[in-house]
């Protein structure tokens, strides 16, 4: 019998331009902000800088999408694993 994947799991892996949906949304916000900077600035250096920033941001986000362990700051597993019940009551 053929098994079908749950729709929710398909949405989690959705990719737009090689980025997950959340990172793509971040990229679009950066592009809209940079367009506002370009509109209200008249310097050629700022326009080139914004273009370079968007290129570097896209490269960084795509690298992060393919290797999400790059930004992992804390350890995944705790040092001690216990089945002991935790309680807020302190008996002395």
PDB file of N, CA and C in Angstrom:
ATOM      1  N   UNK A   1       0.840  -1.181   0.000  1.00  0.00           N
ATOM      2  CA  UNK A   1       0.000   0.000   0.000  1.00  0.00           C
ATOM      3  C   UNK A   1       0.888   1.248   0.000  1.00  0.00           C
ATOM      4  N   UNK A   2       0.518   2.207  -0.778  1.00  0.00           N
ATOM      5  CA  UNK A   2       1.319   3.422  -0.913  1.00  0.00           C
ATOM      6  C   UNK A   2       1.087   4.346   0.282  1.00  0.00           C
ATOM      7  N   UNK A   3       2.181   4.895   0.823  1.00  0.00           N
ATOM      8  CA  UNK A   3       2.080   5.817   1.947  1.00  0.00           C
ATOM      9  C   UNK A   3       2.300   7.232   1.449  1.00  0.00           C
ATOM     10  N   UNK A   4       1.495   8.143   1.955  1.00  0.00           N
ATOM     11  CA  UNK A   4       1.609   9.547   1.598  1.00  0.00           C
ATOM     12  C   UNK A   4       2.140  10.323   2.791  1.00  0.00           C
ATOM     13  N   UNK A   5       2.978  11.294   2.500  1.00  0.00           N
ATOM     14  CA  UNK A   5       3.552  12.111   3.550  1.00  0.00           C
ATOM     15  C   UNK A   5       2.553  13.168   4.001  1.00  0.00           C
ATOM     16  N   UNK A   6       2.612  13.515   5.264  1.00  0.00           N
ATOM     17  CA  UNK A   6       1.708  14.515   5.817  1.00  0.00           C
ATOM     18  C   UNK A   6       2.046  15.877   5.215  1.00  0.00           C
ATOM     19  N   UNK A   7       1.017  16.644   4.887  1.00  0.00           N
ATOM     20  CA  UNK A   7       1.187  17.936   4.228  1.00  0.00           C
ATOM     21  C   UNK A   7       2.028  18.890   5.063  1.00  0.00           C
ATOM     22  N   UNK A   8       1.884  18.825   6.391  1.00  0.00           N
ATOM     23  CA  UNK A   8       2.641  19.701   7.278  1.00  0.00           C
ATOM     24  C   UNK A   8       4.144  19.476   7.102  1.00  0.00           C
ATOM     25  N   UNK A   9       4.561  18.239   6.924  1.00  0.00           N
ATOM     26  CA  UNK A   9       5.983  17.943   6.741  1.00  0.00           C
ATOM     27  C   UNK A   9       6.489  18.437   5.391  1.00  0.00           C
ATOM     28  N   UNK A  10       5.634  18.432   4.392  1.00  0.00           N
ATOM     29  CA  UNK A  10       6.031  18.953   3.077  1.00  0.00           C
ATOM     30  C   UNK A  10       6.268  20.455   3.160  1.00  0.00           C
ATOM     31  N   UNK A  11       5.419  21.169   3.896  1.00  0.00           N
ATOM     32  CA  UNK A  11       5.584  22.617   4.037  1.00  0.00           C
ATOM     33  C   UNK A  11       6.852  22.972   4.785  1.00  0.00           C
ATOM     34  N   UNK A  12       7.281  22.138   5.726  1.00  0.00           N
ATOM     35  CA  UNK A  12       8.505  22.427   6.477  1.00  0.00           C
ATOM     36  C   UNK A  12       9.722  22.440   5.569  1.00  0.00           C
ATOM     37  N   UNK A  13       9.711  21.621   4.518  1.00  0.00           N
ATOM     38  CA  UNK A  13      10.861  21.534   3.620  1.00  0.00           C
ATOM     39  C   UNK A  13      10.712  22.404   2.373  1.00  0.00           C
ATOM     40  N   UNK A  14       9.699  23.254   2.322  1.00  0.00           N
ATOM     41  CA  UNK A  14       9.479  24.087   1.137  1.00  0.00           C
ATOM     42  C   UNK A  14      10.671  25.023   0.926  1.00  0.00           C
ATOM     43  N   UNK A  15      11.094  25.153  -0.323  1.00  0.00           N
ATOM     44  CA  UNK A  15      12.249  25.980  -0.651  1.00  0.00           C
ATOM     45  C   UNK A  15      11.857  26.990  -1.731  1.00  0.00           C
ATOM     46  N   UNK A  16      12.324  28.218  -1.578  1.00  0.00           N
ATOM     47  CA  UNK A  16      12.141  29.262  -2.579  1.00  0.00           C
ATOM     48  C   UNK A  16      13.530  29.830  -2.858  1.00  0.00           C
ATOM     49  N   UNK A  17      13.979  29.738  -4.098  1.00  0.00           N
ATOM     50  CA  UNK A  17      15.321  30.179  -4.504  1.00  0.00           C
ATOM     51  C   UNK A  17      16.405  29.518  -3.655  1.00  0.00           C
ATOM     52  N   UNK A  18      16.201  28.270  -3.271  1.00  0.00           N
ATOM     53  CA  UNK A  18      17.193  27.535  -2.498  1.00  0.00           C
ATOM     54  C   UNK A  18      17.198  27.848  -1.018  1.00  0.00           C
ATOM     55  N   UNK A  19      16.238  28.660  -0.533  1.00  0.00           N
ATOM     56  CA  UNK A  19      16.167  29.019   0.875  1.00  0.00           C
ATOM     57  C   UNK A  19      14.854  28.514   1.468  1.00  0.00           C
ATOM     58  N   UNK A  20      14.866  28.113   2.737  1.00  0.00           N
ATOM     59  CA  UNK A  20      13.593  27.805   3.393  1.00  0.00           C
ATOM     60  C   UNK A  20      12.719  29.057   3.457  1.00  0.00           C
ATOM     61  N   UNK A  21      11.451  28.876   3.690  1.00  0.00           N
ATOM     62  CA  UNK A  21      10.502  29.999   3.624  1.00  0.00           C
ATOM     63  C   UNK A  21      10.872  31.103   4.613  1.00  0.00           C
ATOM     64  N   UNK A  22      11.281  30.753   5.836  1.00  0.00           N
ATOM     65  CA  UNK A  22      11.613  31.782   6.820  1.00  0.00           C
ATOM     66  C   UNK A  22      12.844  32.595   6.408  1.00  0.00           C
ATOM     67  N   UNK A  23      13.859  31.925   5.874  1.00  0.00           N
ATOM     68  CA  UNK A  23      15.051  32.662   5.426  1.00  0.00           C
ATOM     69  C   UNK A  23      14.760  33.466   4.162  1.00  0.00           C
ATOM     70  N   UNK A  24      13.867  32.960   3.317  1.00  0.00           N
ATOM     71  CA  UNK A  24      13.469  33.722   2.131  1.00  0.00           C
ATOM     72  C   UNK A  24      12.733  34.999   2.549  1.00  0.00           C
ATOM     73  N   UNK A  25      11.901  34.901   3.581  1.00  0.00           N
ATOM     74  CA  UNK A  25      11.193  36.086   4.076  1.00  0.00           C
ATOM     75  C   UNK A  25      12.187  37.112   4.619  1.00  0.00           C
ATOM     76  N   UNK A  26      13.210  36.649   5.329  1.00  0.00           N
ATOM     77  CA  UNK A  26      14.250  37.549   5.818  1.00  0.00           C
ATOM     78  C   UNK A  26      14.979  38.228   4.662  1.00  0.00           C
ATOM     79  N   UNK A  27      15.249  37.472   3.616  1.00  0.00           N
ATOM     80  CA  UNK A  27      15.919  38.028   2.439  1.00  0.00           C
ATOM     81  C   UNK A  27      15.039  39.082   1.762  1.00  0.00           C
ATOM     82  N   UNK A  28      13.744  38.837   1.673  1.00  0.00           N
ATOM     83  CA  UNK A  28      12.839  39.806   1.039  1.00  0.00           C
ATOM     84  C   UNK A  28      12.735  41.087   1.859  1.00  0.00           C
ATOM     85  N   UNK A  29      12.747  40.966   3.186  1.00  0.00           N
ATOM     86  CA  UNK A  29      12.727  42.164   4.034  1.00  0.00           C
ATOM     87  C   UNK A  29      13.997  42.973   3.817  1.00  0.00           C
ATOM     88  N   UNK A  30      15.128  42.296   3.697  1.00  0.00           N
ATOM     89  CA  UNK A  30      16.388  43.001   3.448  1.00  0.00           C
ATOM     90  C   UNK A  30      16.377  43.685   2.088  1.00  0.00           C
ATOM     91  N   UNK A  31      15.790  43.036   1.099  1.00  0.00           N
ATOM     92  CA  UNK A  31      15.726  43.641  -0.239  1.00  0.00           C
ATOM     93  C   UNK A  31      14.819  44.864  -0.243  1.00  0.00           C
ATOM     94  N   UNK A  32      13.675  44.783   0.436  1.00  0.00           N
ATOM     95  CA  UNK A  32      12.765  45.933   0.501  1.00  0.00           C
ATOM     96  C   UNK A  32      13.433  47.097   1.241  1.00  0.00           C
ATOM     97  N   UNK A  33      14.135  46.788   2.334  1.00  0.00           N
ATOM     98  CA  UNK A  33      14.848  47.846   3.071  1.00  0.00           C
ATOM     99  C   UNK A  33      15.946  48.459   2.207  1.00  0.00           C
ATOM    100  N   UNK A  34      16.640  47.634   1.441  1.00  0.00           N
ATOM    101  CA  UNK A  34      17.705  48.176   0.594  1.00  0.00           C
ATOM    102  C   UNK A  34      17.130  49.007  -0.557  1.00  0.00           C
ATOM    103  N   UNK A  35      15.965  48.634  -1.048  1.00  0.00           N
ATOM    104  CA  UNK A  35      15.330  49.467  -2.080  1.00  0.00           C
ATOM    105  C   UNK A  35      14.952  50.833  -1.518  1.00  0.00           C
ATOM    106  N   UNK A  36      14.494  50.862  -0.264  1.00  0.00           N
ATOM    107  CA  UNK A  36      14.204  52.159   0.355  1.00  0.00           C
ATOM    108  C   UNK A  36      15.481  52.980   0.527  1.00  0.00           C
ATOM    109  N   UNK A  37      16.570  52.333   0.872  1.00  0.00           N
ATOM    110  CA  UNK A  37      17.851  53.046   0.998  1.00  0.00           C
ATOM    111  C   UNK A  37      18.275  53.593  -0.352  1.00  0.00           C
ATOM    112  N   UNK A  38      18.119  52.813  -1.410  1.00  0.00           N
ATOM    113  CA  UNK A  38      18.499  53.263  -2.747  1.00  0.00           C
ATOM    114  C   UNK A  38      17.641  54.436  -3.198  1.00  0.00           C
ATOM    115  N   UNK A  39      16.346  54.370  -2.901  1.00  0.00           N
ATOM    116  CA  UNK A  39      15.442  55.446  -3.327  1.00  0.00           C
ATOM    117  C   UNK A  39      15.798  56.762  -2.639  1.00  0.00           C
ATOM    118  N   UNK A  40      16.109  56.707  -1.333  1.00  0.00           N
ATOM    119  CA  UNK A  40      16.322  57.942  -0.591  1.00  0.00           C
ATOM    120  C   UNK A  40      17.791  58.357  -0.497  1.00  0.00           C
ATOM    121  N   UNK A  41      18.681  57.628  -1.147  1.00  0.00           N
ATOM    122  CA  UNK A  41      20.079  58.058  -1.161  1.00  0.00           C
ATOM    123  C   UNK A  41      20.486  58.331  -2.610  1.00  0.00           C
ATOM    124  N   UNK A  42      21.414  59.222  -2.767  1.00  0.00           N
ATOM    125  CA  UNK A  42      21.827  59.589  -4.116  1.00  0.00           C
ATOM    126  C   UNK A  42      23.297  59.267  -4.378  1.00  0.00           C
ATOM    127  N   UNK A  43      23.912  58.542  -3.459  1.00  0.00           N
ATOM    128  CA  UNK A  43      25.324  58.214  -3.620  1.00  0.00           C
ATOM    129  C   UNK A  43      25.508  56.890  -4.355  1.00  0.00           C
ATOM    130  N   UNK A  44      26.423  56.897  -5.322  1.00  0.00           N
ATOM    131  CA  UNK A  44      26.679  55.677  -6.092  1.00  0.00           C
ATOM    132  C   UNK A  44      27.333  54.604  -5.228  1.00  0.00           C
ATOM    133  N   UNK A  45      28.157  55.027  -4.274  1.00  0.00           N
ATOM    134  CA  UNK A  45      28.817  54.076  -3.372  1.00  0.00           C
ATOM    135  C   UNK A  45      27.825  53.340  -2.490  1.00  0.00           C
ATOM    136  N   UNK A  46      26.785  54.049  -2.036  1.00  0.00           N
ATOM    137  CA  UNK A  46      25.755  53.415  -1.210  1.00  0.00           C
ATOM    138  C   UNK A  46      24.983  52.388  -2.022  1.00  0.00           C
ATOM    139  N   UNK A  47      24.692  52.688  -3.266  1.00  0.00           N
ATOM    140  CA  UNK A  47      23.971  51.758  -4.127  1.00  0.00           C
ATOM    141  C   UNK A  47      24.799  50.493  -4.351  1.00  0.00           C
ATOM    142  N   UNK A  48      26.089  50.638  -4.610  1.00  0.00           N
ATOM    143  CA  UNK A  48      26.968  49.482  -4.778  1.00  0.00           C
ATOM    144  C   UNK A  48      27.085  48.711  -3.461  1.00  0.00           C
ATOM    145  N   UNK A  49      27.167  49.430  -2.342  1.00  0.00           N
ATOM    146  CA  UNK A  49      27.251  48.786  -1.032  1.00  0.00           C
ATOM    147  C   UNK A  49      26.016  47.969  -0.696  1.00  0.00           C
ATOM    148  N   UNK A  50      24.842  48.496  -1.026  1.00  0.00           N
ATOM    149  CA  UNK A  50      23.593  47.771  -0.774  1.00  0.00           C
ATOM    150  C   UNK A  50      23.528  46.520  -1.644  1.00  0.00           C
ATOM    151  N   UNK A  51      23.952  46.645  -2.884  1.00  0.00           N
ATOM    152  CA  UNK A  51      23.971  45.481  -3.775  1.00  0.00           C
ATOM    153  C   UNK A  51      24.927  44.404  -3.247  1.00  0.00           C
ATOM    154  N   UNK A  52      26.091  44.833  -2.771  1.00  0.00           N
ATOM    155  CA  UNK A  52      27.057  43.885  -2.209  1.00  0.00           C
ATOM    156  C   UNK A  52      26.515  43.252  -0.933  1.00  0.00           C
ATOM    157  N   UNK A  53      25.851  44.047  -0.085  1.00  0.00           N
ATOM    158  CA  UNK A  53      25.264  43.514   1.148  1.00  0.00           C
ATOM    159  C   UNK A  53      24.227  42.445   0.846  1.00  0.00           C
ATOM    160  N   UNK A  54      23.358  42.691  -0.127  1.00  0.00           N
ATOM    161  CA  UNK A  54      22.332  41.706  -0.478  1.00  0.00           C
ATOM    162  C   UNK A  54      22.954  40.434  -1.055  1.00  0.00           C
ATOM    163  N   UNK A  55      24.003  40.574  -1.826  1.00  0.00           N
ATOM    164  CA  UNK A  55      24.679  39.396  -2.379  1.00  0.00           C
ATOM    165  C   UNK A  55      25.328  38.568  -1.279  1.00  0.00           C
ATOM    166  N   UNK A  56      26.007  39.237  -0.359  1.00  0.00           N
ATOM    167  CA  UNK A  56      26.647  38.533   0.752  1.00  0.00           C
ATOM    168  C   UNK A  56      25.593  37.893   1.658  1.00  0.00           C
ATOM    169  N   UNK A  57      24.486  38.599   1.903  1.00  0.00           N
ATOM    170  CA  UNK A  57      23.409  38.044   2.729  1.00  0.00           C
ATOM    171  C   UNK A  57      22.814  36.793   2.097  1.00  0.00           C
ATOM    172  N   UNK A  58      22.583  36.831   0.790  1.00  0.00           N
ATOM    173  CA  UNK A  58      22.029  35.654   0.109  1.00  0.00           C
ATOM    174  C   UNK A  58      23.006  34.482   0.162  1.00  0.00           C
ATOM    175  N   UNK A  59      24.280  34.755  -0.045  1.00  0.00           N
ATOM    176  CA  UNK A  59      25.280  33.679   0.012  1.00  0.00           C
ATOM    177  C   UNK A  59      25.354  33.090   1.422  1.00  0.00           C
ATOM    178  N   UNK A  60      25.327  33.949   2.428  1.00  0.00           N
ATOM    179  CA  UNK A  60      25.368  33.464   3.807  1.00  0.00           C
ATOM    180  C   UNK A  60      24.133  32.665   4.183  1.00  0.00           C
ATOM    181  N   UNK A  61      22.956  33.141   3.777  1.00  0.00           N
ATOM    182  CA  UNK A  61      21.725  32.425   4.102  1.00  0.00           C
ATOM    183  C   UNK A  61      21.640  31.090   3.370  1.00  0.00           C
ATOM    184  N   UNK A  62      22.102  31.049   2.134  1.00  0.00           N
ATOM    185  CA  UNK A  62      22.068  29.775   1.418  1.00  0.00           C
ATOM    186  C   UNK A  62      23.065  28.788   2.017  1.00  0.00           C
ATOM    187  N   UNK A  63      24.216  29.275   2.486  1.00  0.00           N
ATOM    188  CA  UNK A  63      25.183  28.399   3.155  1.00  0.00           C
ATOM    189  C   UNK A  63      24.603  27.898   4.475  1.00  0.00           C
ATOM    190  N   UNK A  64      23.919  28.777   5.198  1.00  0.00           N
ATOM    191  CA  UNK A  64      23.291  28.385   6.451  1.00  0.00           C
ATOM    192  C   UNK A  64      22.155  27.390   6.216  1.00  0.00           C
ATOM    193  N   UNK A  65      21.422  27.526   5.125  1.00  0.00           N
ATOM    194  CA  UNK A  65      20.317  26.609   4.829  1.00  0.00           C
ATOM    195  C   UNK A  65      20.827  25.203   4.536  1.00  0.00           C
ATOM    196  N   UNK A  66      22.004  25.097   3.939  1.00  0.00           N
ATOM    197  CA  UNK A  66      22.556  23.783   3.622  1.00  0.00           C
ATOM    198  C   UNK A  66      23.319  23.172   4.798  1.00  0.00           C
ATOM    199  N   UNK A  67      23.745  23.993   5.764  1.00  0.00           N
ATOM    200  CA  UNK A  67      24.478  23.505   6.926  1.00  0.00           C
ATOM    201  C   UNK A  67      24.009  24.267   8.162  1.00  0.00           C
ATOM    202  N   UNK A  68      22.852  23.905   8.755  1.00  0.00           N
ATOM    203  CA  UNK A  68      22.305  24.688   9.872  1.00  0.00           C
ATOM    204  C   UNK A  68      23.113  24.586  11.165  1.00  0.00           C
ATOM    205  N   UNK A  69      24.092  23.704  11.241  1.00  0.00           N
ATOM    206  CA  UNK A  69      24.896  23.591  12.450  1.00  0.00           C
ATOM    207  C   UNK A  69      25.869  24.758  12.606  1.00  0.00           C
ATOM    208  N   UNK A  70      25.979  25.612  11.611  1.00  0.00           N
ATOM    209  CA  UNK A  70      26.937  26.715  11.673  1.00  0.00           C
ATOM    210  C   UNK A  70      26.621  27.701  12.794  1.00  0.00           C
ATOM    211  N   UNK A  71      25.357  27.917  13.085  1.00  0.00           N
ATOM    212  CA  UNK A  71      24.968  28.892  14.102  1.00  0.00           C
ATOM    213  C   UNK A  71      24.556  28.251  15.418  1.00  0.00           C
ATOM    214  N   UNK A  72      24.859  26.987  15.616  1.00  0.00           N
ATOM    215  CA  UNK A  72      24.495  26.321  16.850  1.00  0.00           C
ATOM    216  C   UNK A  72      25.471  26.729  17.936  1.00  0.00           C
ATOM    217  N   UNK A  73      24.975  27.464  18.926  1.00  0.00           N
ATOM    218  CA  UNK A  73      25.844  28.008  19.956  1.00  0.00           C
ATOM    219  C   UNK A  73      25.877  27.140  21.210  1.00  0.00           C
ATOM    220  N   UNK A  74      24.817  26.401  21.477  1.00  0.00           N
ATOM    221  CA  UNK A  74      24.779  25.584  22.682  1.00  0.00           C
ATOM    222  C   UNK A  74      24.842  24.108  22.313  1.00  0.00           C
ATOM    223  N   UNK A  75      25.134  23.291  23.315  1.00  0.00           N
ATOM    224  CA  UNK A  75      25.207  21.867  23.087  1.00  0.00           C
ATOM    225  C   UNK A  75      23.797  21.304  22.950  1.00  0.00           C
ATOM    226  N   UNK A  76      23.655  20.269  22.143  1.00  0.00           N
ATOM    227  CA  UNK A  76      22.349  19.687  21.897  1.00  0.00           C
ATOM    228  C   UNK A  76      21.882  18.868  23.089  1.00  0.00           C
ATOM    229  N   UNK A  77      22.765  18.066  23.649  1.00  0.00           N
ATOM    230  CA  UNK A  77      22.397  17.180  24.738  1.00  0.00           C
ATOM    231  C   UNK A  77      22.943  17.710  26.057  1.00  0.00           C
ATOM    232  N   UNK A  78      22.187  17.542  27.149  1.00  0.00           N
ATOM    233  CA  UNK A  78      22.703  17.978  28.449  1.00  0.00           C
ATOM    234  C   UNK A  78      23.803  17.040  28.934  1.00  0.00           C
ATOM    235  N   UNK A  79      24.571  17.501  29.928  1.00  0.00           N
ATOM    236  CA  UNK A  79      25.643  16.668  30.460  1.00  0.00           C
ATOM    237  C   UNK A  79      25.085  15.479  31.235  1.00  0.00           C
ATOM    238  N   UNK A  80      24.001  15.710  31.973  1.00  0.00           N
ATOM    239  CA  UNK A  80      23.419  14.655  32.804  1.00  0.00           C
ATOM    240  C   UNK A  80      21.987  14.416  32.363  1.00  0.00           C
ATOM    241  N   UNK A  81      21.660  13.159  32.122  1.00  0.00           N
ATOM    242  CA  UNK A  81      20.289  12.777  31.786  1.00  0.00           C
ATOM    243  C   UNK A  81      19.762  11.942  32.940  1.00  0.00           C
ATOM    244  N   UNK A  82      18.615  12.326  33.473  1.00  0.00           N
ATOM    245  CA  UNK A  82      18.071  11.639  34.627  1.00  0.00           C
ATOM    246  C   UNK A  82      16.575  11.413  34.450  1.00  0.00           C
ATOM    247  N   UNK A  83      16.090  10.306  34.980  1.00  0.00           N
ATOM    248  CA  UNK A  83      14.652  10.029  34.979  1.00  0.00           C
ATOM    249  C   UNK A  83      13.992  10.462  36.275  1.00  0.00           C
ATOM    250  N   UNK A  84      14.745  11.076  37.128  1.00  0.00           N
ATOM    251  CA  UNK A  84      14.234  11.519  38.422  1.00  0.00           C
ATOM    252  C   UNK A  84      13.195  12.616  38.207  1.00  0.00           C
ATOM    253  N   UNK A  85      12.087  12.514  38.913  1.00  0.00           N
ATOM    254  CA  UNK A  85      11.038  13.527  38.800  1.00  0.00           C
ATOM    255  C   UNK A  85      11.519  14.835  39.398  1.00  0.00           C
ATOM    256  N   UNK A  86      11.258  15.904  38.715  1.00  0.00           N
ATOM    257  CA  UNK A  86      11.607  17.204  39.245  1.00  0.00           C
ATOM    258  C   UNK A  86      10.399  17.786  39.946  1.00  0.00           C
ATOM    259  N   UNK A  87      10.643  18.383  41.061  1.00  0.00           N
ATOM    260  CA  UNK A  87       9.564  18.929  41.859  1.00  0.00           C
ATOM    261  C   UNK A  87       9.964  20.323  42.319  1.00  0.00           C
ATOM    262  N   UNK A  88       8.965  21.186  42.470  1.00  0.00           N
ATOM    263  CA  UNK A  88       9.231  22.525  42.988  1.00  0.00           C
ATOM    264  C   UNK A  88       9.254  22.536  44.507  1.00  0.00           C
ATOM    265  N   UNK A  89       8.810  21.436  45.139  1.00  0.00           N
ATOM    266  CA  UNK A  89       8.823  21.351  46.602  1.00  0.00           C
ATOM    267  C   UNK A  89      10.212  20.938  47.068  1.00  0.00           C
ATOM    268  N   UNK A  90      10.695  21.609  48.089  1.00  0.00           N
ATOM    269  CA  UNK A  90      12.004  21.294  48.634  1.00  0.00           C
ATOM    270  C   UNK A  90      11.819  20.765  50.048  1.00  0.00           C
ATOM    271  N   UNK A  91      12.157  19.531  50.271  1.00  0.00           N
ATOM    272  CA  UNK A  91      12.054  18.926  51.590  1.00  0.00           C
ATOM    273  C   UNK A  91      13.410  19.018  52.289  1.00  0.00           C
ATOM    274  N   UNK A  92      13.390  19.527  53.492  1.00  0.00           N
ATOM    275  CA  UNK A  92      14.642  19.631  54.240  1.00  0.00           C
ATOM    276  C   UNK A  92      14.534  18.956  55.562  1.00  0.00           C
TER     277      UNK A  92
END
